Amino acid sequence: MGASRNFSRPARIAAIAPYLWMALFFLVPFFFILKISLSQTAISQPPYEPLFDLTQGLEGVKRAAAQLSVENFHLLLSDSLYVLSYLRSIVVAAVSTFILVLLGYPIAYGMSRLPRGWQALVMLAVIVPFWTSFLIRIYAWINILQRDGLLNDILIALKIVSTPLVWLSTDTAMYIGIVYSYLPFMVLPLFATLSKMDASLLEAAADLGCSRRQAFWLVTWPLSLPGVGAGALLCFIPIIGEFVIPDLLAGSSQMMIGQTLWGEFFTNRDWPVASAIAVILLLVLLAPLLVYDRLQRKQLEGRS
């Protein structure tokens, strides 16, 4: 009995540990950000008020809490600058994720059909870009896409164009940088799903008269949807808050929400508005997570 009791205690600690980790590194920082988002900008250090003065006890906390307001959230929802930034971020993330699925699926599918020895080499080729600094890779694309860069040199040499094209400071350059940077995040979960697929299912589909195209759409594609969903989430969520790639490769006429948040925090020193932007961004990102979780639960219930 004592042995089972000693065994259950570490098991309980191991079960509680993820929740403690989430509370410490997610909920506690989130409540700090939420509190700042309900504050007002002030010329002080830190640049917002009110502050919770714990030296005054519970009365000080109540007095500060009474001064909190949702004025910053009203500003975000009424100002077109912020609304358009959110919409642009969602559109860019959705389009980029769609392009990533179109490019990443054939790569992952081809990798899953290779012999085991070749799979490791191709996997290494996919992961190698992660060994280089993210900023260095984006600056490399600046050199490639500039007017006298490598891309224009290749296009002119192939006689596809006669004069150099303008790539930098355009949405095209931004999408190129995003797709290049996030492609491994799409390929890896897709490859993990496709490589576990039972080949006998395709043989059974062929025996029943399905062509290769029909077998793909009726067998391979439905079974790979969990990998598509996981890859889409891994790409869509960070792309919405992307700052570096749009700031370096895209034009300045329209900003994504990450650029707007950066400007409010570092340029305007408006921490409450920046925190409110972050809170709404988190709520926006919760939507695809909840949808994916619901679809996963339905799939598990269907299997059981």
Protein backbone atom coordinates (compact mmCIF):
# COMPACT_ATOMS: atom_id res chain seq x y z
CA MET A 1 0.00 0.00 0.00
CA GLY A 2 2.88 2.34 0.90
CA ALA A 3 4.57 1.67 -2.43
CA SER A 4 1.41 2.49 -4.37
CA ARG A 5 0.99 5.66 -2.30
CA ASN A 6 4.58 6.73 -3.07
CA PHE A 7 3.98 6.00 -6.75
CA SER A 8 0.76 7.99 -6.91
CA ARG A 9 2.29 11.12 -5.41
CA PRO A 10 4.85 11.65 -8.23
CA ALA A 11 2.12 10.78 -10.70
CA ARG A 12 -0.11 13.51 -9.26
CA ILE A 13 2.76 15.99 -9.37
CA ALA A 14 3.46 15.08 -12.99
CA ALA A 15 -0.24 15.59 -13.82
CA ILE A 16 -0.35 18.98 -12.11
CA ALA A 17 2.99 20.23 -13.51
CA PRO A 18 1.64 21.28 -16.97
CA TYR A 19 -1.13 23.33 -15.34
CA LEU A 20 1.35 25.01 -13.00
CA TRP A 21 3.58 25.78 -15.98
CA MET A 22 0.65 27.30 -17.88
CA ALA A 23 -0.44 29.33 -14.87
CA LEU A 24 3.06 30.65 -14.20
CA PHE A 25 4.14 31.45 -17.77
CA PHE A 26 0.82 32.21 -19.46
CA LEU A 27 -1.94 33.23 -17.06
CA VAL A 28 0.17 35.41 -14.75
CA PRO A 29 1.76 37.42 -17.64
CA PHE A 30 -1.63 37.65 -19.33
CA PHE A 31 -3.22 39.20 -16.23
CA PHE A 32 -0.39 41.76 -16.11
CA ILE A 33 -1.06 42.66 -19.76
CA LEU A 34 -4.83 42.77 -19.15
CA LYS A 35 -4.35 45.10 -16.19
CA ILE A 36 -2.15 47.47 -18.25
CA SER A 37 -4.69 47.41 -21.10
CA LEU A 38 -7.32 48.72 -18.66
CA SER A 39 -5.05 51.54 -17.47
CA GLN A 40 -4.43 55.03 -18.86
CA THR A 41 -1.27 56.44 -20.40
CA ALA A 42 0.81 58.61 -18.10
CA ILE A 43 4.12 60.49 -18.31
CA SER A 44 5.83 58.44 -15.65
CA GLN A 45 7.77 55.25 -15.14
CA PRO A 46 6.10 52.89 -15.91
CA PRO A 47 4.12 54.97 -18.44
CA TYR A 48 0.62 54.11 -17.22
CA GLU A 49 -1.65 54.54 -14.21
CA PRO A 50 -3.08 53.48 -11.85
CA LEU A 51 -0.51 51.29 -10.11
CA PHE A 52 -1.44 48.77 -7.47
CA ASP A 53 0.22 50.02 -4.31
CA LEU A 54 0.45 46.93 -2.15
CA THR A 55 1.87 48.96 0.74
CA GLN A 56 -1.61 50.44 1.25
CA GLY A 57 -3.14 47.01 1.60
CA LEU A 58 -6.54 46.02 0.24
CA GLU A 59 -7.81 49.60 0.16
CA GLY A 60 -5.03 50.63 -2.21
CA VAL A 61 -5.83 47.74 -4.53
CA LYS A 62 -9.55 48.61 -4.51
CA ARG A 63 -8.81 52.28 -5.20
CA ALA A 64 -6.60 51.41 -8.18
CA ALA A 65 -9.08 48.84 -9.53
CA ALA A 66 -11.84 51.48 -9.50
CA GLN A 67 -9.81 53.61 -11.91
CA LEU A 68 -9.51 50.88 -14.54
CA SER A 69 -11.59 51.29 -17.72
CA VAL A 70 -12.18 49.74 -21.13
CA GLU A 71 -11.52 53.00 -22.96
CA ASN A 72 -8.54 51.55 -24.85
CA PHE A 73 -10.66 48.73 -26.25
CA HIS A 74 -13.29 51.23 -27.44
CA LEU A 75 -10.49 53.11 -29.20
CA LEU A 76 -9.25 49.98 -31.00
CA LEU A 77 -12.72 49.05 -32.22
CA SER A 78 -13.59 52.59 -33.37
CA ASP A 79 -10.32 53.59 -35.06
CA SER A 80 -9.96 52.29 -38.63
CA LEU A 81 -6.15 52.14 -38.27
CA TYR A 82 -6.36 49.29 -35.79
CA VAL A 83 -9.32 47.55 -37.43
CA LEU A 84 -7.59 47.52 -40.82
CA SER A 85 -4.38 46.25 -39.21
CA TYR A 86 -6.25 43.30 -37.71
CA LEU A 87 -8.03 42.56 -40.99
CA ARG A 88 -4.81 42.78 -42.99
CA SER A 89 -3.06 40.43 -40.57
CA ILE A 90 -5.87 37.87 -40.84
CA VAL A 91 -5.93 38.08 -44.65
CA VAL A 92 -2.13 37.81 -44.95
CA ALA A 93 -2.06 34.86 -42.54
CA ALA A 94 -4.90 33.08 -44.36
CA VAL A 95 -3.40 33.58 -47.83
CA SER A 96 0.08 32.59 -46.63
CA THR A 97 -1.27 29.46 -44.94
CA PHE A 98 -3.13 28.48 -48.11
CA ILE A 99 0.05 28.89 -50.18
CA LEU A 100 1.99 26.90 -47.59
CA VAL A 101 -0.51 24.02 -47.84
CA LEU A 102 -0.23 24.05 -51.64
CA LEU A 103 3.57 23.95 -51.50
CA GLY A 104 4.10 21.92 -48.35
CA TYR A 105 1.73 19.05 -49.11
CA PRO A 106 3.51 17.80 -52.27
CA ILE A 107 6.87 18.05 -50.47
CA ALA A 108 5.63 16.10 -47.46
CA TYR A 109 3.84 13.58 -49.68
CA GLY A 110 6.99 12.99 -51.72
CA MET A 111 9.07 12.64 -48.56
CA SER A 112 6.69 10.03 -47.15
CA ARG A 113 7.07 7.93 -50.31
CA LEU A 114 10.87 7.91 -50.24
CA PRO A 115 12.92 5.02 -48.82
CA ARG A 116 13.71 5.37 -45.11
CA GLY A 117 17.33 6.31 -45.74
CA TRP A 118 16.43 9.11 -48.13
CA GLN A 119 13.74 10.45 -45.79
CA ALA A 120 16.36 11.37 -43.20
CA LEU A 121 18.41 13.29 -45.78
CA VAL A 122 15.41 15.21 -47.12
CA MET A 123 14.27 15.92 -43.57
CA LEU A 124 17.71 17.36 -42.87
CA ALA A 125 17.40 19.60 -45.93
CA VAL A 126 14.09 20.91 -44.61
CA ILE A 127 15.49 21.60 -41.13
CA VAL A 128 18.85 23.11 -42.20
CA PRO A 129 17.45 26.70 -42.60
CA PHE A 130 16.66 26.68 -38.86
CA TRP A 131 20.40 26.51 -38.17
CA THR A 132 20.80 30.03 -39.54
CA SER A 133 19.66 33.19 -37.78
CA PHE A 134 16.15 34.23 -38.77
CA LEU A 135 17.23 37.84 -39.37
CA ILE A 136 20.14 36.76 -41.57
CA ARG A 137 17.76 34.73 -43.74
CA ILE A 138 15.40 37.68 -44.17
CA TYR A 139 18.27 40.04 -44.99
CA ALA A 140 19.45 37.48 -47.54
CA TRP A 141 16.04 37.77 -49.23
CA ILE A 142 16.50 41.55 -49.33
CA ASN A 143 19.67 41.02 -51.36
CA ILE A 144 17.94 38.46 -53.59
CA LEU A 145 14.87 40.61 -54.26
CA GLN A 146 16.50 43.99 -54.71
CA ARG A 147 16.51 45.59 -58.17
CA ASP A 148 20.00 44.31 -59.07
CA GLY A 149 19.60 41.13 -57.02
CA LEU A 150 19.87 37.47 -57.92
CA LEU A 151 16.19 36.98 -58.80
CA ASN A 152 16.15 39.73 -61.43
CA ASP A 153 19.50 38.51 -62.80
CA ILE A 154 18.04 35.01 -63.30
CA LEU A 155 14.83 36.32 -64.89
CA ILE A 156 16.80 38.51 -67.31
CA ALA A 157 19.24 35.69 -68.14
CA LEU A 158 16.29 33.40 -68.94
CA LYS A 159 14.77 36.21 -71.05
CA ILE A 160 11.58 36.09 -69.00
CA VAL A 161 11.81 39.86 -68.44
CA SER A 162 13.81 42.53 -70.24
CA THR A 163 14.14 45.03 -67.38
CA PRO A 164 14.53 44.44 -63.63
CA LEU A 165 11.27 44.13 -61.73
CA VAL A 166 10.45 45.82 -58.43
CA TRP A 167 10.14 43.16 -55.73
CA LEU A 168 11.11 44.86 -52.49
CA SER A 169 8.55 46.87 -50.52
CA THR A 170 5.68 44.89 -52.07
CA ASP A 171 3.24 42.31 -50.77
CA THR A 172 4.81 39.78 -53.14
CA ALA A 173 8.14 40.08 -51.34
CA MET A 174 6.37 39.75 -48.00
CA TYR A 175 4.59 36.55 -49.07
CA ILE A 176 7.86 35.12 -50.43
CA GLY A 177 9.57 35.76 -47.10
CA ILE A 178 6.69 34.35 -45.05
CA VAL A 179 6.31 31.20 -47.15
CA TYR A 180 10.05 30.57 -47.12
CA SER A 181 10.30 31.07 -43.35
CA TYR A 182 7.27 28.99 -42.36
CA LEU A 183 7.42 26.18 -44.92
CA PRO A 184 9.14 23.72 -42.52
CA PHE A 185 6.33 24.28 -39.99
CA MET A 186 3.89 23.01 -42.62
CA VAL A 187 6.02 20.18 -44.02
CA LEU A 188 6.99 18.51 -40.73
CA PRO A 189 3.48 17.81 -39.30
CA LEU A 190 2.25 16.77 -42.75
CA PHE A 191 5.17 14.38 -43.15
CA ALA A 192 4.57 12.94 -39.67
CA THR A 193 0.94 12.20 -40.59
CA LEU A 194 1.56 10.89 -44.11
CA SER A 195 4.46 8.64 -43.08
CA LYS A 196 2.23 6.82 -40.57
CA MET A 197 -0.43 6.06 -43.17
CA ASP A 198 -1.09 2.36 -43.82
CA ALA A 199 -0.09 1.58 -47.42
CA SER A 200 -2.53 -1.35 -47.47
CA LEU A 201 -5.41 1.13 -47.55
CA LEU A 202 -4.26 2.42 -50.94
CA GLU A 203 -3.85 -1.16 -52.17
CA ALA A 204 -7.39 -1.94 -51.04
CA ALA A 205 -8.68 1.17 -52.84
CA ALA A 206 -6.88 0.05 -56.03
CA ASP A 207 -8.39 -3.44 -55.70
CA LEU A 208 -11.84 -1.85 -55.50
CA GLY A 209 -11.25 -0.05 -58.80
CA CYS A 210 -10.06 3.39 -57.65
CA SER A 211 -7.58 5.22 -59.81
CA ARG A 212 -4.56 6.85 -58.17
CA ARG A 213 -6.32 10.22 -58.21
CA GLN A 214 -9.47 8.78 -56.68
CA ALA A 215 -7.46 6.90 -54.05
CA PHE A 216 -5.70 10.12 -53.10
CA TRP A 217 -8.90 12.13 -52.63
CA LEU A 218 -10.85 9.30 -50.99
CA VAL A 219 -8.11 7.81 -48.77
CA THR A 220 -4.91 9.86 -48.50
CA TRP A 221 -6.39 13.35 -48.26
CA PRO A 222 -9.00 12.58 -45.54
CA LEU A 223 -6.45 10.70 -43.43
CA SER A 224 -3.94 13.54 -43.74
CA LEU A 225 -6.34 16.26 -42.58
CA PRO A 226 -5.06 16.17 -38.97
CA GLY A 227 -1.58 16.99 -40.31
CA VAL A 228 -3.01 19.74 -42.53
CA GLY A 229 -4.82 21.23 -39.54
CA ALA A 230 -1.76 21.05 -37.29
CA GLY A 231 0.48 22.60 -39.95
CA ALA A 232 -2.08 25.32 -40.69
CA LEU A 233 -2.27 26.27 -37.00
CA LEU A 234 1.52 26.25 -36.61
CA CYS A 235 1.74 28.71 -39.51
CA PHE A 236 -1.44 30.80 -39.22
CA ILE A 237 -1.05 31.76 -35.56
CA PRO A 238 2.51 33.19 -35.64
CA ILE A 239 2.00 34.78 -39.08
CA ILE A 240 -0.85 36.94 -37.73
CA GLY A 241 1.53 38.54 -35.25
CA GLU A 242 4.50 38.65 -37.63
CA PHE A 243 6.55 41.84 -37.42
CA VAL A 244 10.04 41.33 -38.89
CA ILE A 245 9.12 40.05 -42.37
CA PRO A 246 6.44 42.68 -43.17
CA ASP A 247 8.62 45.44 -41.74
CA LEU A 248 11.67 44.50 -43.84
CA LEU A 249 10.11 43.21 -47.06
CA ALA A 250 6.66 44.80 -47.41
CA GLY A 251 5.69 48.38 -48.09
CA SER A 252 4.71 50.87 -45.41
CA SER A 253 1.31 51.80 -46.84
CA GLN A 254 -0.52 49.12 -44.84
CA MET A 255 0.70 47.65 -41.58
CA MET A 256 0.02 44.31 -39.94
CA ILE A 257 -1.01 44.25 -36.31
CA GLY A 258 2.48 43.27 -35.15
CA GLN A 259 3.89 46.45 -36.68
CA THR A 260 1.10 48.52 -35.14
CA LEU A 261 1.74 46.99 -31.72
CA TRP A 262 5.48 47.69 -32.05
CA GLY A 263 4.78 51.32 -32.95
CA GLU A 264 2.46 51.88 -30.00
CA PHE A 265 4.85 50.26 -27.54
CA PHE A 266 8.23 51.63 -28.63
CA THR A 267 7.44 54.76 -30.66
CA ASN A 268 4.35 56.21 -28.97
CA ARG A 269 5.19 54.72 -25.57
CA ASP A 270 1.50 53.98 -25.18
CA TRP A 271 1.68 50.78 -23.17
CA PRO A 272 -2.07 50.57 -22.37
CA VAL A 273 -3.09 50.69 -26.06
CA ALA A 274 -0.31 48.25 -26.99
CA SER A 275 -1.50 45.87 -24.25
CA ALA A 276 -5.10 46.18 -25.46
CA ILE A 277 -3.91 45.30 -28.99
CA ALA A 278 -2.19 42.21 -27.57
CA VAL A 279 -5.29 41.13 -25.62
CA ILE A 280 -7.56 41.38 -28.67
CA LEU A 281 -4.93 39.59 -30.77
CA LEU A 282 -4.93 36.74 -28.27
CA LEU A 283 -8.73 36.51 -28.46
CA VAL A 284 -8.53 36.43 -32.26
CA LEU A 285 -5.97 33.60 -32.11
CA LEU A 286 -8.14 31.58 -29.73
CA ALA A 287 -10.81 31.17 -32.43
CA PRO A 288 -8.85 28.81 -34.76
CA LEU A 289 -7.55 26.89 -31.73
CA LEU A 290 -11.06 26.27 -30.45
CA VAL A 291 -12.27 25.25 -33.92
CA TYR A 292 -9.37 22.82 -34.32
CA ASP A 293 -9.95 21.39 -30.83
CA ARG A 294 -13.64 20.87 -31.58
CA LEU A 295 -12.87 19.10 -34.87
CA GLN A 296 -10.33 16.87 -33.11
CA ARG A 297 -12.87 15.94 -30.44
CA LYS A 298 -15.47 15.07 -33.08
CA GLN A 299 -12.94 12.92 -34.90
CA LEU A 300 -12.04 11.05 -31.71
CA GLU A 301 -15.71 10.54 -30.89
CA GLY A 302 -16.31 9.19 -34.40
CA ARG A 303 -13.49 6.67 -34.00
CA SER A 304 -14.80 5.49 -30.64
